[in-house]
Amino acid sequence: MRAQMERILIIEDEEKIARFIELELEHEGYKVDKAFNGREGLEKFQSYPFDLIILDIMLPELNGIEVLRRIRQVSDIPVIMLTARDAVVDKVTGLDSGADDYITKPFAIEELLARIRVAFRKSVNHNDKKIQEELVVGDLCLNPKKREVYVRGNLVNLTKREFDLLNYLMENKNIVLSRETILERIWGYDYYGENNAVDVYIRYLRSKIEEPYGLKFIYTVRGVGYVIKDE
């Protein structure tokens, strides 16, 4: 079992297949969520951070290619396309739209698991290269390697917790993060402190990166959590 479980979203309209994949992935130690149409899948992706998506092409409401295109507008999360259609044009369309891999039904679960492991290895290597890059949202700039934050070129002093929280928000810009998710990722699974810790630290951040400059980066989504918007 992993120290920190990777989270996988399955977007598949055939519920029996989705449930089968879910059981196998959970057995391997992954944390899994499911959606049975394209619109629901996109909403779940937008409301909760995942580490990988298994995405069917033939979906009701929004097809898989359109879902993938919208995901790629805001995220480079690994996506494995899953479909019964094996025409070359479908593979090309999926890969050209930003899919990391492609597997055709029927498939052996061992093959899917292997492709997931490869996708995660590629993602880790990609993220290692990106760690030197800066995260930018408007006039806000964060350097993960140097652990420095600038607003309009001015260095802002943050505590470790403030920096980690801001870094997490900026890594997931334009995605609404629930308070529970933030607590879990920044404070840890075993956190037993005040349940308003996230709200308190958001206020700290706003007092340092927004209020002195008359700017707005962090938005509250009532009843859910927070999001940094790149507008």
Protein backbone atom coordinates (compact mmCIF):
# COMPACT_ATOMS: atom_id res chain seq x y z
CA MET A 1 0.00 0.00 0.00
CA ARG A 2 1.25 3.46 -0.86
CA ALA A 3 2.18 6.00 1.80
CA GLN A 4 0.11 8.50 -0.17
CA MET A 5 -2.47 7.01 -2.50
CA GLU A 6 -2.66 8.33 -6.02
CA ARG A 7 -6.16 9.42 -6.96
CA ILE A 8 -7.67 8.17 -10.18
CA LEU A 9 -10.88 9.35 -11.84
CA ILE A 10 -12.68 6.86 -14.10
CA ILE A 11 -15.02 8.48 -16.64
CA GLU A 12 -16.85 5.55 -18.21
CA ASP A 13 -20.56 5.20 -19.03
CA GLU A 14 -20.60 1.39 -18.81
CA GLU A 15 -21.11 1.02 -15.06
CA LYS A 16 -20.03 -2.64 -14.88
CA ILE A 17 -16.73 -1.84 -16.58
CA ALA A 18 -16.20 1.22 -14.37
CA ARG A 19 -16.90 -0.83 -11.24
CA PHE A 20 -14.55 -3.61 -12.38
CA ILE A 21 -11.72 -1.14 -12.99
CA GLU A 22 -12.46 0.58 -9.67
CA LEU A 23 -12.16 -2.68 -7.71
CA GLU A 24 -8.90 -3.61 -9.41
CA LEU A 25 -7.40 -0.17 -8.85
CA GLU A 26 -8.44 -0.11 -5.20
CA HIS A 27 -6.86 -3.53 -4.78
CA GLU A 28 -3.63 -2.02 -6.14
CA GLY A 29 -3.79 0.76 -3.55
CA TYR A 30 -5.22 3.61 -5.59
CA LYS A 31 -8.03 5.89 -4.43
CA VAL A 32 -10.78 5.93 -7.05
CA ASP A 33 -13.81 7.99 -8.05
CA LYS A 34 -16.16 7.38 -10.97
CA ALA A 35 -18.34 9.39 -13.34
CA PHE A 36 -20.76 7.93 -15.87
CA ASN A 37 -21.01 10.77 -18.40
CA GLY A 38 -18.72 13.43 -19.78
CA ARG A 39 -20.30 16.37 -18.02
CA GLU A 40 -20.22 14.70 -14.60
CA GLY A 41 -16.62 13.66 -15.18
CA LEU A 42 -15.58 17.19 -16.07
CA GLU A 43 -17.35 18.56 -12.99
CA LYS A 44 -15.57 16.07 -10.72
CA PHE A 45 -12.22 16.93 -12.29
CA GLN A 46 -12.89 20.63 -11.71
CA SER A 47 -13.94 20.18 -8.09
CA TYR A 48 -11.33 17.75 -6.80
CA PRO A 49 -7.64 17.14 -7.58
CA PHE A 50 -6.79 13.80 -9.21
CA ASP A 51 -3.47 12.31 -10.26
CA LEU A 52 -4.67 10.43 -13.35
CA ILE A 53 -7.83 10.07 -15.45
CA ILE A 54 -9.10 7.02 -17.31
CA LEU A 55 -11.38 8.46 -19.97
CA ASP A 56 -13.75 6.69 -22.36
CA ILE A 57 -14.28 8.32 -25.76
CA MET A 58 -17.92 7.35 -26.32
CA LEU A 59 -19.67 9.19 -23.49
CA PRO A 60 -23.14 10.74 -23.17
CA GLU A 61 -23.62 14.51 -22.74
CA LEU A 62 -19.97 15.36 -23.51
CA ASN A 63 -17.83 12.95 -25.52
CA GLY A 64 -14.40 11.99 -24.26
CA ILE A 65 -12.50 14.08 -26.80
CA GLU A 66 -14.33 17.24 -25.74
CA VAL A 67 -13.77 16.41 -22.07
CA LEU A 68 -10.07 15.92 -22.78
CA ARG A 69 -9.79 19.20 -24.65
CA ARG A 70 -11.34 21.09 -21.74
CA ILE A 71 -9.07 19.34 -19.25
CA ARG A 72 -6.01 20.25 -21.29
CA GLN A 73 -6.96 23.92 -21.17
CA VAL A 74 -6.12 23.96 -17.45
CA SER A 75 -4.13 20.82 -16.58
CA ASP A 76 -1.46 18.39 -17.81
CA ILE A 77 -2.77 15.53 -15.64
CA PRO A 78 -2.03 12.09 -17.22
CA VAL A 79 -5.03 10.84 -19.23
CA ILE A 80 -5.44 7.31 -20.59
CA MET A 81 -8.14 7.01 -23.25
CA LEU A 82 -10.33 3.92 -22.99
CA THR A 83 -12.68 2.90 -25.79
CA ALA A 84 -14.15 0.04 -27.77
CA ARG A 85 -13.33 1.83 -31.01
CA ASP A 86 -9.96 0.89 -32.46
CA ALA A 87 -9.94 2.92 -35.66
CA VAL A 88 -6.67 4.72 -36.30
CA VAL A 89 -8.48 8.05 -36.62
CA ASP A 90 -9.81 7.71 -33.05
CA LYS A 91 -6.35 7.02 -31.68
CA VAL A 92 -4.85 9.93 -33.58
CA THR A 93 -7.64 12.27 -32.47
CA GLY A 94 -7.23 11.25 -28.84
CA LEU A 95 -3.46 11.59 -28.85
CA ASP A 96 -3.55 14.87 -30.76
CA SER A 97 -6.03 16.21 -28.21
CA GLY A 98 -3.56 15.56 -25.41
CA ALA A 99 -4.07 11.96 -24.27
CA ASP A 100 -0.98 10.33 -22.76
CA ASP A 101 -1.94 6.80 -23.77
CA TYR A 102 -4.67 4.78 -25.45
CA ILE A 103 -6.09 1.32 -24.70
CA THR A 104 -8.84 -0.49 -26.59
CA LYS A 105 -11.61 -2.64 -25.11
CA PRO A 106 -11.61 -5.50 -24.42
CA PHE A 107 -8.35 -5.27 -22.50
CA ALA A 108 -6.45 -7.24 -19.88
CA ILE A 109 -6.48 -5.44 -16.53
CA GLU A 110 -2.75 -6.16 -16.20
CA GLU A 111 -2.14 -4.10 -19.33
CA LEU A 112 -4.16 -1.17 -18.01
CA LEU A 113 -2.31 -1.31 -14.67
CA ALA A 114 1.01 -1.33 -16.51
CA ARG A 115 0.02 1.69 -18.59
CA ILE A 116 -1.05 3.51 -15.42
CA ARG A 117 2.34 2.83 -13.82
CA VAL A 118 4.12 4.12 -16.92
CA ALA A 119 1.95 7.25 -16.96
CA PHE A 120 2.78 7.95 -13.32
CA ARG A 121 6.51 7.48 -13.93
CA LYS A 122 6.38 9.91 -16.84
CA SER A 123 4.39 12.35 -14.73
CA VAL A 124 6.94 12.22 -11.90
CA ASN A 125 9.82 12.82 -14.31
CA HIS A 126 7.89 15.68 -15.93
CA ASN A 127 7.14 17.26 -12.55
CA ASP A 128 10.78 16.93 -11.50
CA LYS A 129 11.73 18.97 -14.54
CA LYS A 130 8.97 21.51 -13.87
CA ILE A 131 10.05 22.07 -10.25
CA GLN A 132 12.56 24.66 -11.46
CA GLU A 133 9.89 26.57 -13.28
CA GLU A 134 7.90 29.39 -11.76
CA LEU A 135 4.18 29.31 -11.15
CA VAL A 136 2.54 32.53 -12.32
CA VAL A 137 -0.96 33.90 -11.83
CA GLY A 138 -1.24 37.49 -12.98
CA ASP A 139 1.16 39.61 -10.90
CA LEU A 140 1.75 36.71 -8.49
CA CYS A 141 4.87 34.59 -9.04
CA LEU A 142 6.00 31.57 -7.01
CA ASN A 143 9.31 29.75 -7.42
CA PRO A 144 8.99 26.22 -5.93
CA LYS A 145 12.72 25.51 -5.99
CA LYS A 146 13.79 28.74 -4.29
CA ARG A 147 10.59 28.85 -2.21
CA GLU A 148 10.13 32.50 -3.03
CA VAL A 149 6.96 34.46 -3.74
CA TYR A 150 6.76 37.79 -5.55
CA VAL A 151 3.87 40.17 -6.12
CA ARG A 152 4.55 42.78 -8.80
CA GLY A 153 8.24 42.02 -8.37
CA ASN A 154 8.19 42.52 -4.59
CA LEU A 155 9.40 39.62 -2.43
CA VAL A 156 6.73 38.46 0.03
CA ASN A 157 7.79 36.65 3.20
CA LEU A 158 5.63 33.61 3.91
CA THR A 159 5.80 30.96 6.59
CA LYS A 160 6.35 27.35 5.49
CA ARG A 161 2.64 26.53 5.87
CA GLU A 162 1.58 29.66 4.00
CA PHE A 163 4.00 28.88 1.18
CA ASP A 164 2.89 25.24 0.92
CA LEU A 165 -0.77 26.29 0.84
CA LEU A 166 -0.18 28.94 -1.84
CA ASN A 167 1.95 26.52 -3.87
CA TYR A 168 -0.83 23.90 -3.77
CA LEU A 169 -3.47 26.43 -4.82
CA MET A 170 -1.31 27.67 -7.70
CA GLU A 171 -0.49 24.15 -8.87
CA ASN A 172 -4.25 23.61 -9.13
CA LYS A 173 -5.21 27.04 -10.45
CA ASN A 174 -8.75 27.31 -11.79
CA ILE A 175 -9.73 24.16 -9.86
CA VAL A 176 -11.93 24.55 -6.79
CA LEU A 177 -10.32 22.80 -3.82
CA SER A 178 -12.47 21.81 -0.86
CA ARG A 179 -11.35 22.62 2.67
CA GLU A 180 -11.14 18.90 3.40
CA THR A 181 -8.86 18.33 0.42
CA ILE A 182 -6.58 21.19 1.43
CA LEU A 183 -6.40 19.96 5.01
CA GLU A 184 -5.55 16.46 3.81
CA ARG A 185 -2.83 17.58 1.41
CA ILE A 186 -1.23 20.41 3.44
CA TRP A 187 -1.84 19.42 7.06
CA GLY A 188 -1.93 15.66 6.55
CA TYR A 189 -4.36 12.78 7.10
CA ASP A 190 -3.79 12.77 10.87
CA TYR A 191 -4.51 16.45 11.50
CA TYR A 192 -6.69 16.96 14.57
CA GLY A 193 -6.40 20.71 15.09
CA GLU A 194 -8.97 23.43 14.55
CA ASN A 195 -11.23 22.69 11.58
CA ASN A 196 -11.04 26.33 10.46
CA ALA A 197 -7.27 26.17 9.93
CA VAL A 198 -7.67 26.51 6.16
CA ASP A 199 -9.80 29.66 6.50
CA VAL A 200 -7.28 31.17 8.93
CA TYR A 201 -4.33 30.59 6.60
CA ILE A 202 -6.24 31.86 3.59
CA ARG A 203 -6.73 35.10 5.54
CA TYR A 204 -3.00 35.18 6.28
CA LEU A 205 -2.22 34.79 2.59
CA ARG A 206 -4.70 37.45 1.54
CA SER A 207 -3.20 39.89 4.02
CA LYS A 208 0.22 39.39 2.44
CA ILE A 209 -0.33 38.90 -1.31
CA GLU A 210 -3.63 40.70 -1.98
CA GLU A 211 -4.50 43.50 0.42
CA PRO A 212 -1.21 45.46 0.23
CA TYR A 213 -1.47 45.57 -3.57
CA GLY A 214 -5.22 45.90 -4.08
CA LEU A 215 -5.24 42.61 -6.00
CA LYS A 216 -7.44 39.50 -5.97
CA PHE A 217 -6.08 36.00 -6.53
CA ILE A 218 -7.88 33.69 -4.09
CA TYR A 219 -11.63 33.28 -4.45
CA THR A 220 -14.01 31.70 -1.96
CA VAL A 221 -16.53 29.18 -3.28
CA ARG A 222 -19.27 29.28 -0.68
CA GLY A 223 -19.88 25.94 1.00
CA VAL A 224 -16.99 24.28 -0.83
CA GLY A 225 -13.56 25.85 -0.51
CA TYR A 226 -11.14 28.02 -2.45
CA VAL A 227 -9.68 28.55 -5.92
CA ILE A 228 -6.94 30.67 -7.43
CA LYS A 229 -8.15 32.00 -10.76
CA ASP A 230 -5.87 32.84 -13.63
CA GLU A 231 -7.87 35.64 -15.22
